[in-house]
Amino acid sequence: MFGNLIFLCTAGFFAAFVDSIAGGGGIISVPAYLLAGVPPHLSLGTNKFSSSCASFTSSVKFAKSGKVDFDILKILGPFTLVGAVLGVNTVLSISASYTNTIVLVLLLFVGIYSLFSKTTGLKDNFEGLTNKSKFSGILLAFSMGFYDGFFGPGVGSFLIFGLIKIFKFDFVRAGGNGKVLNFISNIASLLMFALRGQIDYKLGIPVAIFMILGAKFGTKVALDKGAKLMKPIFVTMALAVAVKMLYGIIK
């Protein structure tokens, strides 16, 4: 048990560090819970608890740096909230025997997507809101909220990429806004998992402490250097954990 806790805290720190820079920390933390023997539904709920603490820490740091657009988030936030609630209700209605397979398939998809996606947000070209960008942003917020509630890993990467494409943000600004949207969906999902009794607080609280530390360190790196330096590490870890999880299931 103690060995599992050390493993989970270490994975949580690195997951929060990576997530604060480029998103996708759940690719590390969710499989870590599964590899530690935590059942699928309980893994998702406990990870949501610890990752919510990390996303709040990162959101505050991004906001203080001026990399968060609250006028845009007032429009997108409610749709993220509704999507997340629907996503959690969907995943909790699926038998645990199927959840593990779904988690693995989505994990591989997100890892491969991250490998081949290109970071285009090197310059901030945001010129204001348009009806088209509002509509596209709402679709992104709702779909990513649902995805985060249903599964979660990789949602930060998808949000960053989507915000860059829709609003023409640079990577850091997209990361700041994406992190706040991620926090909104995390809280909505967390409440739903808590009401269903799908959180192991004995594991979640110590992992959350290490994820807060990872988020602080990662956000500092993101603000100082951006995510370009960390992408190779992120992709390597994402695919390595997916392969390890697949090996465990086959074995």
Protein backbone atom coordinates (compact mmCIF):
# COMPACT_ATOMS: atom_id res chain seq x y z
CA MET A 1 0.00 0.00 0.00
CA PHE A 2 2.79 2.43 0.94
CA GLY A 3 4.66 1.57 -2.25
CA ASN A 4 1.53 2.30 -4.30
CA LEU A 5 1.15 5.67 -2.56
CA ILE A 6 4.73 6.67 -3.36
CA PHE A 7 4.17 5.63 -6.99
CA LEU A 8 0.92 7.62 -7.22
CA CYS A 9 2.39 10.76 -5.61
CA THR A 10 5.38 10.67 -7.98
CA ALA A 11 3.13 10.14 -11.00
CA GLY A 12 0.80 12.88 -9.75
CA PHE A 13 3.62 15.41 -9.43
CA PHE A 14 4.88 14.72 -12.95
CA ALA A 15 1.31 14.65 -14.35
CA ALA A 16 0.51 18.06 -12.87
CA PHE A 17 3.85 19.44 -14.03
CA VAL A 18 3.23 18.32 -17.62
CA ASP A 19 -0.44 19.31 -17.55
CA SER A 20 0.41 22.86 -16.53
CA ILE A 21 2.74 23.19 -19.50
CA ALA A 22 0.96 21.42 -22.36
CA GLY A 23 -2.10 19.67 -20.97
CA GLY A 24 -2.57 15.93 -20.99
CA GLY A 25 -1.47 15.19 -17.43
CA GLY A 26 -4.34 12.75 -17.04
CA ILE A 27 -2.59 10.51 -19.54
CA ILE A 28 -0.12 9.86 -16.74
CA SER A 29 -2.27 10.07 -13.60
CA VAL A 30 -5.29 7.97 -14.66
CA PRO A 31 -3.20 4.98 -15.80
CA ALA A 32 -1.15 5.35 -12.62
CA TYR A 33 -4.28 4.82 -10.50
CA LEU A 34 -5.28 1.85 -12.67
CA LEU A 35 -1.80 0.32 -12.46
CA ALA A 36 -1.97 0.70 -8.66
CA GLY A 37 -5.04 -1.54 -8.68
CA VAL A 38 -7.72 1.10 -8.17
CA PRO A 39 -10.99 0.13 -9.98
CA PRO A 40 -11.78 2.16 -13.15
CA HIS A 41 -14.66 4.31 -11.81
CA LEU A 42 -12.81 4.97 -8.54
CA SER A 43 -9.64 5.81 -10.50
CA LEU A 44 -11.47 8.44 -12.55
CA GLY A 45 -13.14 9.98 -9.49
CA THR A 46 -10.02 10.02 -7.30
CA ASN A 47 -7.93 11.43 -10.13
CA LYS A 48 -10.55 14.13 -10.67
CA PHE A 49 -10.21 15.13 -7.00
CA SER A 50 -6.42 15.40 -7.05
CA SER A 51 -6.26 17.00 -10.50
CA SER A 52 -8.86 19.62 -9.51
CA CYS A 53 -6.51 20.84 -6.79
CA ALA A 54 -3.69 21.07 -9.34
CA SER A 55 -5.79 22.83 -12.01
CA PHE A 56 -6.95 25.42 -9.45
CA THR A 57 -3.33 26.15 -8.50
CA SER A 58 -2.31 26.52 -12.14
CA SER A 59 -5.39 28.63 -13.01
CA VAL A 60 -4.63 31.14 -10.26
CA LYS A 61 -1.00 31.48 -11.36
CA PHE A 62 -1.98 31.99 -15.01
CA ALA A 63 -4.63 34.55 -14.00
CA LYS A 64 -2.15 36.53 -11.92
CA SER A 65 0.18 36.64 -14.92
CA GLY A 66 -2.54 38.23 -17.09
CA LYS A 67 -2.87 35.22 -19.41
CA VAL A 68 -6.60 34.65 -18.78
CA ASP A 69 -9.43 36.36 -20.75
CA PHE A 70 -12.38 36.49 -18.37
CA ASP A 71 -14.71 38.08 -20.94
CA ILE A 72 -14.35 34.98 -23.10
CA LEU A 73 -14.56 32.58 -20.18
CA LYS A 74 -17.87 34.10 -19.05
CA ILE A 75 -19.33 32.89 -22.35
CA LEU A 76 -17.62 29.50 -22.55
CA GLY A 77 -17.57 28.49 -18.87
CA PRO A 78 -21.27 27.58 -18.46
CA PHE A 79 -21.17 25.28 -21.49
CA THR A 80 -18.09 23.52 -20.09
CA LEU A 81 -19.99 23.04 -16.82
CA VAL A 82 -23.05 21.47 -18.48
CA GLY A 83 -20.92 19.25 -20.70
CA ALA A 84 -18.93 17.95 -17.73
CA VAL A 85 -22.06 17.01 -15.75
CA LEU A 86 -23.43 15.09 -18.74
CA GLY A 87 -20.07 13.40 -19.27
CA VAL A 88 -19.83 12.11 -15.69
CA ASN A 89 -23.40 10.81 -15.77
CA THR A 90 -22.57 8.95 -18.98
CA VAL A 91 -19.38 7.28 -17.73
CA LEU A 92 -20.95 6.23 -14.43
CA SER A 93 -23.77 4.48 -16.29
CA ILE A 94 -21.27 2.19 -18.09
CA SER A 95 -20.27 -1.12 -16.55
CA ALA A 96 -16.77 -1.09 -15.04
CA SER A 97 -15.84 -4.10 -17.17
CA TYR A 98 -16.19 -1.93 -20.29
CA THR A 99 -14.67 1.24 -18.83
CA ASN A 100 -11.14 -0.14 -18.69
CA THR A 101 -11.18 -0.97 -22.41
CA ILE A 102 -12.65 2.43 -23.31
CA VAL A 103 -10.01 4.18 -21.19
CA LEU A 104 -7.23 2.29 -22.96
CA VAL A 105 -8.56 3.06 -26.47
CA LEU A 106 -8.97 6.76 -25.68
CA LEU A 107 -5.57 6.84 -23.99
CA LEU A 108 -3.86 5.49 -27.11
CA PHE A 109 -5.81 7.91 -29.30
CA VAL A 110 -4.80 10.93 -27.24
CA GLY A 111 -1.17 9.84 -27.11
CA ILE A 112 -0.98 9.38 -30.89
CA TYR A 113 -2.79 12.67 -31.45
CA SER A 114 -0.28 14.47 -29.24
CA LEU A 115 2.59 12.88 -31.17
CA PHE A 116 1.44 14.17 -34.56
CA SER A 117 -0.20 17.50 -33.64
CA LYS A 118 1.76 20.66 -34.39
CA THR A 119 2.05 23.60 -32.02
CA THR A 120 0.99 26.55 -34.12
CA GLY A 121 0.48 29.13 -31.35
CA LEU A 122 3.85 30.81 -31.37
CA LYS A 123 2.38 34.33 -31.72
CA ASP A 124 -0.69 35.93 -30.18
CA ASN A 125 -2.90 37.07 -33.08
CA PHE A 126 -6.16 37.49 -31.17
CA GLU A 127 -8.15 40.38 -32.67
CA GLY A 128 -11.36 40.19 -30.64
CA LEU A 129 -14.52 38.08 -30.52
CA THR A 130 -16.66 37.39 -33.60
CA ASN A 131 -19.94 35.47 -33.90
CA LYS A 132 -18.05 32.65 -35.57
CA SER A 133 -15.41 32.44 -32.85
CA LYS A 134 -18.09 32.57 -30.13
CA PHE A 135 -20.02 29.69 -31.71
CA SER A 136 -16.88 27.61 -32.28
CA GLY A 137 -15.70 28.37 -28.75
CA ILE A 138 -19.02 27.25 -27.27
CA LEU A 139 -18.86 23.97 -29.21
CA LEU A 140 -15.30 23.44 -28.00
CA ALA A 141 -16.20 24.25 -24.39
CA PHE A 142 -19.23 21.93 -24.32
CA SER A 143 -17.53 19.00 -26.08
CA MET A 144 -14.37 19.25 -23.97
CA GLY A 145 -16.45 19.56 -20.81
CA PHE A 146 -18.29 16.37 -21.75
CA TYR A 147 -15.02 14.63 -22.62
CA ASP A 148 -13.43 15.73 -19.36
CA GLY A 149 -16.38 14.42 -17.38
CA PHE A 150 -16.48 11.16 -19.31
CA PHE A 151 -12.74 10.44 -19.44
CA GLY A 152 -10.45 13.44 -19.06
CA PRO A 153 -6.87 12.60 -20.08
CA GLY A 154 -5.64 14.88 -22.85
CA VAL A 155 -8.41 17.43 -22.46
CA GLY A 156 -5.89 20.18 -21.65
CA SER A 157 -4.04 19.52 -24.91
CA PHE A 158 -7.28 19.57 -26.90
CA LEU A 159 -8.37 22.81 -25.21
CA ILE A 160 -5.07 24.54 -25.91
CA PHE A 161 -5.07 23.42 -29.55
CA GLY A 162 -8.73 24.44 -29.99
CA LEU A 163 -8.27 27.87 -28.42
CA ILE A 164 -5.25 28.54 -30.61
CA LYS A 165 -7.20 27.62 -33.75
CA ILE A 166 -10.40 29.47 -32.83
CA PHE A 167 -9.12 32.63 -31.14
CA LYS A 168 -5.59 32.70 -32.59
CA PHE A 169 -4.02 32.84 -29.13
CA ASP A 170 -0.39 32.07 -28.58
CA PHE A 171 0.43 28.92 -26.66
CA VAL A 172 0.75 30.51 -23.22
CA ARG A 173 -2.48 32.53 -23.48
CA ALA A 174 -4.34 29.46 -24.76
CA GLY A 175 -2.85 27.50 -21.89
CA GLY A 176 -4.09 30.01 -19.31
CA ASN A 177 -7.65 30.11 -20.65
CA GLY A 178 -7.68 26.36 -21.22
CA LYS A 179 -6.57 25.72 -17.67
CA VAL A 180 -9.47 27.75 -16.24
CA LEU A 181 -11.98 25.90 -18.46
CA ASN A 182 -10.35 22.65 -17.37
CA PHE A 183 -10.78 23.66 -13.73
CA ILE A 184 -14.48 24.41 -14.28
CA SER A 185 -15.07 20.97 -15.80
CA ASN A 186 -12.95 19.36 -13.08
CA ILE A 187 -15.09 20.86 -10.32
CA ALA A 188 -18.37 19.87 -12.00
CA SER A 189 -17.09 16.35 -12.57
CA LEU A 190 -15.65 16.16 -9.06
CA LEU A 191 -19.00 16.95 -7.46
CA MET A 192 -20.74 14.29 -9.52
CA PHE A 193 -18.14 11.64 -8.64
CA ALA A 194 -18.31 12.64 -4.95
CA LEU A 195 -22.11 12.29 -4.90
CA ARG A 196 -21.72 8.80 -6.34
CA GLY A 197 -19.08 7.85 -3.74
CA GLN A 198 -16.39 7.29 -6.38
CA ILE A 199 -13.47 9.06 -4.63
CA ASP A 200 -10.81 7.42 -2.44
CA TYR A 201 -9.75 10.34 -0.24
CA LYS A 202 -7.00 8.33 1.49
CA LEU A 203 -5.21 8.21 -1.85
CA GLY A 204 -6.58 11.42 -3.33
CA ILE A 205 -5.45 13.85 -0.61
CA PRO A 206 -1.72 12.95 -0.52
CA VAL A 207 -1.61 12.75 -4.33
CA ALA A 208 -3.32 16.17 -4.49
CA ILE A 209 -0.56 17.71 -2.37
CA PHE A 210 2.10 16.49 -4.80
CA MET A 211 0.00 17.57 -7.79
CA ILE A 212 -0.26 21.11 -6.35
CA LEU A 213 3.54 21.23 -6.12
CA GLY A 214 3.85 19.90 -9.67
CA ALA A 215 1.34 22.46 -10.95
CA LYS A 216 3.22 25.36 -9.35
CA PHE A 217 6.51 24.26 -10.87
CA GLY A 218 5.01 23.46 -14.26
CA THR A 219 3.13 26.74 -14.58
CA LYS A 220 6.33 28.65 -13.82
CA VAL A 221 8.10 26.78 -16.63
CA ALA A 222 5.15 27.40 -18.98
CA LEU A 223 5.19 31.14 -18.30
CA ASP A 224 8.97 31.38 -18.56
CA LYS A 225 9.74 29.07 -21.48
CA GLY A 226 6.50 27.74 -22.99
CA ALA A 227 5.77 24.12 -23.82
CA LYS A 228 8.13 23.57 -26.73
CA LEU A 229 10.88 22.17 -24.55
CA MET A 230 8.52 19.75 -22.80
CA LYS A 231 6.62 18.32 -25.78
CA PRO A 232 9.04 15.45 -26.54
CA ILE A 233 8.96 14.38 -22.87
CA PHE A 234 5.16 14.64 -22.78
CA VAL A 235 4.64 12.54 -25.93
CA THR A 236 7.17 9.93 -24.82
CA MET A 237 5.54 9.51 -21.41
CA ALA A 238 2.02 9.43 -22.83
CA LEU A 239 2.76 6.59 -25.24
CA ALA A 240 4.97 4.74 -22.74
CA VAL A 241 2.20 4.67 -20.13
CA ALA A 242 -0.35 3.58 -22.76
CA VAL A 243 1.88 0.70 -23.88
CA LYS A 244 2.52 -0.33 -20.28
CA MET A 245 -1.21 -0.31 -19.55
CA LEU A 246 -1.92 -2.37 -22.68
CA TYR A 247 0.74 -4.89 -21.66
CA GLY A 248 -0.86 -5.19 -18.23
CA ILE A 249 -4.29 -5.93 -19.72
CA ILE A 250 -2.97 -8.48 -22.24
CA LYS A 251 -0.86 -10.20 -19.60
